[in-house]
C-alpha cells in the first residue's frame, strides 16, 4: 500500500474512494436482508454502523484509521439506503396489480 500520511495524494484518494466502495457493496446484500428480516431492524443496524464509523472518523489519529472509519460509514450508509429504497418500493407498488 502507498503512503497514507496526512494530506498525501494517496491518502486523500483512499479517503474519497473508501465510502463509495463499501456503500455500493452494501446495497444488494442489505436490501435482501431487509426483505427477509424487515426494513426497520436493518435500518437501525445501518444507523448504528454509520454512527460507529462517524465517531471513529472524528477520533481518528491517523489517515489510515480515518480511511477505515470511512469504510465503516460507507457500509452503514449502504444499509440505510437499501432500506429506504425498499420501503419506497413497497409503499408505491402495493396498490398495483
Protein backbone atom coordinates (compact mmCIF):
# COMPACT_ATOMS: atom_id res chain seq x y z
CA UNK A 1 0.00 0.00 0.00
CA UNK A 2 1.18 3.52 -0.64
CA UNK A 3 1.94 6.25 1.86
CA UNK A 4 -1.19 7.37 3.71
CA UNK A 5 0.27 10.17 5.77
CA UNK A 6 -1.91 13.21 6.44
CA UNK A 7 -2.58 15.10 3.25
CA UNK A 8 -0.81 12.75 0.88
CA UNK A 9 -2.40 12.26 -2.52
CA UNK A 10 -2.84 8.52 -1.97
CA UNK A 11 -4.41 9.11 1.44
CA UNK A 12 -6.92 11.57 0.04
CA UNK A 13 -7.78 9.21 -2.82
CA UNK A 14 -8.38 6.36 -0.37
CA UNK A 15 -10.47 8.66 1.80
CA UNK A 16 -12.72 9.58 -1.12
CA UNK A 17 -13.00 6.08 -2.59
CA UNK A 18 -13.49 4.14 0.64
CA UNK A 19 -17.00 5.42 1.34
CA UNK A 20 -18.23 4.86 -2.23
CA UNK A 21 -16.77 1.37 -2.43
CA UNK A 22 -18.43 -0.02 0.68
CA UNK A 23 -21.64 1.91 0.02
CA UNK A 24 -22.06 0.09 -3.27
CA UNK A 25 -21.03 -3.27 -1.82
CA UNK A 26 -23.58 -2.98 0.98
CA UNK A 27 -26.64 -2.15 -1.11
CA UNK A 28 -27.67 -5.52 -2.55
CA UNK A 29 -26.99 -7.82 0.44
CA UNK A 30 -28.62 -5.42 2.89
CA UNK A 31 -31.60 -4.94 0.59
CA UNK A 32 -32.15 -8.69 0.56
CA UNK A 33 -31.68 -8.91 4.33
CA UNK A 34 -34.28 -6.16 4.70
CA UNK A 35 -36.70 -8.22 2.61
CA UNK A 36 -36.17 -11.23 4.86
CA UNK A 37 -35.87 -9.68 8.36
CA UNK A 38 -37.77 -6.41 7.97
CA UNK A 39 -36.69 -2.95 6.99
CA UNK A 40 -36.90 -1.25 10.38
CA UNK A 41 -34.39 -3.50 12.18
CA UNK A 42 -31.93 -3.28 9.29
CA UNK A 43 -32.38 0.49 9.11
CA UNK A 44 -31.50 0.75 12.81
CA UNK A 45 -28.49 -1.54 12.33
CA UNK A 46 -27.35 0.70 9.46
CA UNK A 47 -27.71 3.78 11.63
CA UNK A 48 -25.63 2.11 14.34
CA UNK A 49 -22.90 1.14 11.88
CA UNK A 50 -22.85 4.65 10.44
CA UNK A 51 -22.68 6.17 13.93
CA UNK A 52 -19.75 3.95 14.94
CA UNK A 53 -17.92 4.91 11.75
CA UNK A 54 -18.63 8.59 12.36
CA UNK A 55 -17.31 8.51 15.91
CA UNK A 56 -14.22 6.60 14.76
CA UNK A 57 -13.65 9.14 11.96
CA UNK A 58 -13.89 12.08 14.35
CA UNK A 59 -11.41 10.50 16.75
CA UNK A 60 -9.04 9.17 14.07
CA UNK A 61 -5.42 9.89 14.98
CA UNK A 62 -4.01 8.86 11.58
CA UNK A 63 -5.10 8.84 7.97
CA UNK A 64 -5.24 5.03 7.96
CA UNK A 65 -7.74 5.00 10.84
CA UNK A 66 -9.77 7.72 9.12
CA UNK A 67 -9.93 5.69 5.90
CA UNK A 68 -11.00 2.59 7.86
CA UNK A 69 -13.72 4.62 9.57
CA UNK A 70 -14.97 5.85 6.20
CA UNK A 71 -15.18 2.21 5.04
CA UNK A 72 -17.43 1.54 8.03
CA UNK A 73 -19.51 4.66 7.35
CA UNK A 74 -19.97 3.66 3.72
CA UNK A 75 -21.26 0.25 4.74
CA UNK A 76 -23.72 1.83 7.18
CA UNK A 77 -24.93 4.26 4.53
CA UNK A 78 -25.43 1.40 2.08
CA UNK A 79 -27.55 -0.50 4.61
CA UNK A 80 -29.64 2.62 5.35
CA UNK A 81 -30.11 3.48 1.70
CA UNK A 82 -31.20 -0.03 0.75
CA UNK A 83 -33.90 0.03 3.44
CA UNK A 84 -35.18 3.45 2.37
CA UNK A 85 -35.32 2.43 -1.29
CA UNK A 86 -37.05 -0.84 -0.37
CA UNK A 87 -39.63 0.97 1.76
CA UNK A 88 -40.39 3.38 -1.09
CA UNK A 89 -40.78 0.43 -3.46
CA UNK A 90 -43.16 -1.29 -1.01
CA UNK A 91 -45.23 1.84 -0.39
CA UNK A 92 -45.76 2.77 -4.00
CA UNK A 93 -46.27 -0.64 -5.60
CA UNK A 94 -48.70 -2.32 -3.17
CA UNK A 95 -51.78 -0.84 -4.83
CA UNK A 96 -50.86 -2.10 -8.29
CA UNK A 97 -52.00 -5.45 -9.61
